[in-house]
Amino acid sequence: MTPAKLQGLYWAMRLGMAFIWLWTAFVSWYLYPHAESLAWLRRSGITLHTEHVFAASCLADLAMGIASLFHARPLLWWTQCALVAGYTLVIAVFLPEFLIHPFGPLTKNIPLAAGLVFLALYEKSRG
């Protein structure tokens, strides 16, 4: 792959990751019913300050999206990878119906993680 094509792939992945985080924050806060999100958090064992945890998760998603646009570093991509892995593990354990959901909300995290690893390694190679 030529350096120009690799650079193009990098930017496509970077902007794509930013979009995923920003869209998730927006949908979670403005479009999806808060009651359902809060119920999922409670089923996951978060029974105290659930509303604050929900707000913090939306802000974390927003921060990850903004950082993807303006502060790309290997640490950012590894942090996002850890966050995705954490979200995936919690959901798989406490909301296992998402493992067999036909739209694959958890299984889609596998290529997402691969993209984050690519971004981290590409950033590192650029020095």
Protein backbone atom coordinates (compact mmCIF):
# COMPACT_ATOMS: atom_id res chain seq x y z
CA MET A 1 0.00 0.00 0.00
CA THR A 2 1.38 3.40 -0.93
CA PRO A 3 1.97 5.96 1.81
CA ALA A 4 -0.77 8.16 0.32
CA LYS A 5 -3.29 5.32 0.42
CA LEU A 6 -2.26 4.43 3.97
CA GLN A 7 -2.70 8.08 4.97
CA GLY A 8 -6.15 8.07 3.35
CA LEU A 9 -7.11 4.91 5.24
CA TYR A 10 -5.86 6.50 8.46
CA TRP A 11 -8.07 9.56 7.97
CA ALA A 12 -11.08 7.47 6.99
CA MET A 13 -10.66 5.38 10.15
CA ARG A 14 -10.01 8.42 12.35
CA LEU A 15 -13.05 10.32 11.10
CA GLY A 16 -15.12 7.14 11.28
CA MET A 17 -14.16 6.61 14.92
CA ALA A 18 -14.94 10.22 15.74
CA PHE A 19 -18.34 9.85 14.10
CA ILE A 20 -19.16 6.66 16.04
CA TRP A 21 -18.35 8.28 19.40
CA LEU A 22 -20.10 11.57 18.61
CA TRP A 23 -23.17 9.87 17.17
CA THR A 24 -23.40 7.52 20.15
CA ALA A 25 -23.24 10.45 22.57
CA PHE A 26 -25.89 12.36 20.63
CA VAL A 27 -28.27 9.43 20.22
CA SER A 28 -27.84 8.32 23.83
CA TRP A 29 -28.54 11.78 25.23
CA TYR A 30 -31.11 13.19 22.82
CA LEU A 31 -32.85 10.43 20.87
CA TYR A 32 -32.90 7.15 22.80
CA PRO A 33 -35.27 6.87 25.78
CA HIS A 34 -33.31 7.59 28.96
CA ALA A 35 -35.55 5.22 30.91
CA GLU A 36 -34.36 2.28 28.81
CA SER A 37 -30.71 3.23 29.15
CA LEU A 38 -31.10 3.64 32.91
CA ALA A 39 -32.82 0.25 33.15
CA TRP A 40 -29.87 -1.35 31.32
CA LEU A 41 -27.43 0.29 33.71
CA ARG A 42 -29.42 -0.95 36.70
CA ARG A 43 -29.48 -4.48 35.25
CA SER A 44 -25.70 -4.18 34.96
CA GLY A 45 -25.44 -3.58 38.70
CA ILE A 46 -25.24 0.21 38.68
CA THR A 47 -28.02 1.04 41.10
CA LEU A 48 -26.60 4.11 42.83
CA HIS A 49 -26.35 7.44 41.02
CA THR A 50 -27.49 5.73 37.83
CA GLU A 51 -28.45 9.02 36.21
CA HIS A 52 -24.99 10.43 36.89
CA VAL A 53 -23.30 7.33 35.48
CA PHE A 54 -25.46 7.64 32.37
CA ALA A 55 -24.55 11.31 31.96
CA ALA A 56 -20.87 10.53 32.53
CA SER A 57 -20.94 7.80 29.89
CA CYS A 58 -22.50 10.19 27.39
CA LEU A 59 -19.84 12.80 28.21
CA ALA A 60 -17.11 10.15 27.88
CA ASP A 61 -18.42 9.24 24.43
CA LEU A 62 -18.50 12.92 23.47
CA ALA A 63 -14.96 13.42 24.77
CA MET A 64 -13.70 10.40 22.82
CA GLY A 65 -15.25 11.78 19.64
CA ILE A 66 -13.78 15.23 20.09
CA ALA A 67 -10.38 13.80 21.00
CA SER A 68 -10.51 11.60 17.88
CA LEU A 69 -10.82 14.75 15.79
CA PHE A 70 -8.33 17.00 17.56
CA HIS A 71 -5.96 14.98 19.75
CA ALA A 72 -5.08 11.72 18.03
CA ARG A 73 -2.36 9.85 19.92
CA PRO A 74 -1.65 6.14 20.44
CA LEU A 75 -2.83 6.47 24.05
CA LEU A 76 -6.19 7.77 22.86
CA TRP A 77 -6.77 4.77 20.60
CA TRP A 78 -5.66 2.30 23.28
CA THR A 79 -7.95 4.04 25.78
CA GLN A 80 -10.85 3.76 23.35
CA CYS A 81 -10.02 0.10 22.78
CA ALA A 82 -10.12 -0.49 26.55
CA LEU A 83 -13.39 1.41 26.85
CA VAL A 84 -14.98 -0.61 24.03
CA ALA A 85 -13.70 -3.84 25.63
CA GLY A 86 -15.09 -2.79 29.00
CA TYR A 87 -18.48 -1.84 27.59
CA THR A 88 -18.56 -5.10 25.62
CA LEU A 89 -17.68 -7.25 28.62
CA VAL A 90 -20.25 -5.62 30.90
CA ILE A 91 -22.99 -5.87 28.30
CA ALA A 92 -22.11 -9.48 27.44
CA VAL A 93 -22.27 -10.50 31.10
CA PHE A 94 -25.29 -8.51 32.27
CA LEU A 95 -27.28 -8.10 29.05
CA PRO A 96 -26.45 -11.33 27.21
CA GLU A 97 -29.36 -10.95 24.79
CA PHE A 98 -27.15 -8.49 22.90
CA LEU A 99 -24.74 -11.33 22.06
CA ILE A 100 -27.34 -12.91 19.80
CA HIS A 101 -29.03 -9.72 18.63
CA PRO A 102 -29.49 -9.89 14.83
CA PHE A 103 -27.97 -6.41 14.34
CA GLY A 104 -24.81 -7.50 16.20
CA PRO A 105 -24.28 -4.55 18.55
CA LEU A 106 -21.54 -6.44 20.41
CA THR A 107 -19.99 -8.44 17.60
CA LYS A 108 -19.45 -5.23 15.64
CA ASN A 109 -17.00 -4.25 18.35
CA ILE A 110 -14.50 -6.80 17.00
CA PRO A 111 -13.75 -4.88 13.76
CA LEU A 112 -14.05 -1.63 15.73
CA ALA A 113 -11.24 -2.82 18.01
CA ALA A 114 -9.18 -3.81 14.97
CA GLY A 115 -9.62 -0.30 13.60
CA LEU A 116 -8.51 1.21 16.90
CA VAL A 117 -5.42 -1.01 16.94
CA PHE A 118 -4.63 0.14 13.39
CA LEU A 119 -4.95 3.78 14.45
CA ALA A 120 -2.72 3.26 17.50
CA LEU A 121 -0.03 1.49 15.50
CA TYR A 122 -0.20 4.03 12.68
CA GLU A 123 0.14 6.93 15.12
CA LYS A 124 3.12 5.21 16.76
CA SER A 125 4.81 4.65 13.40
CA ARG A 126 4.49 8.34 12.57
CA GLY A 127 6.43 9.14 15.73
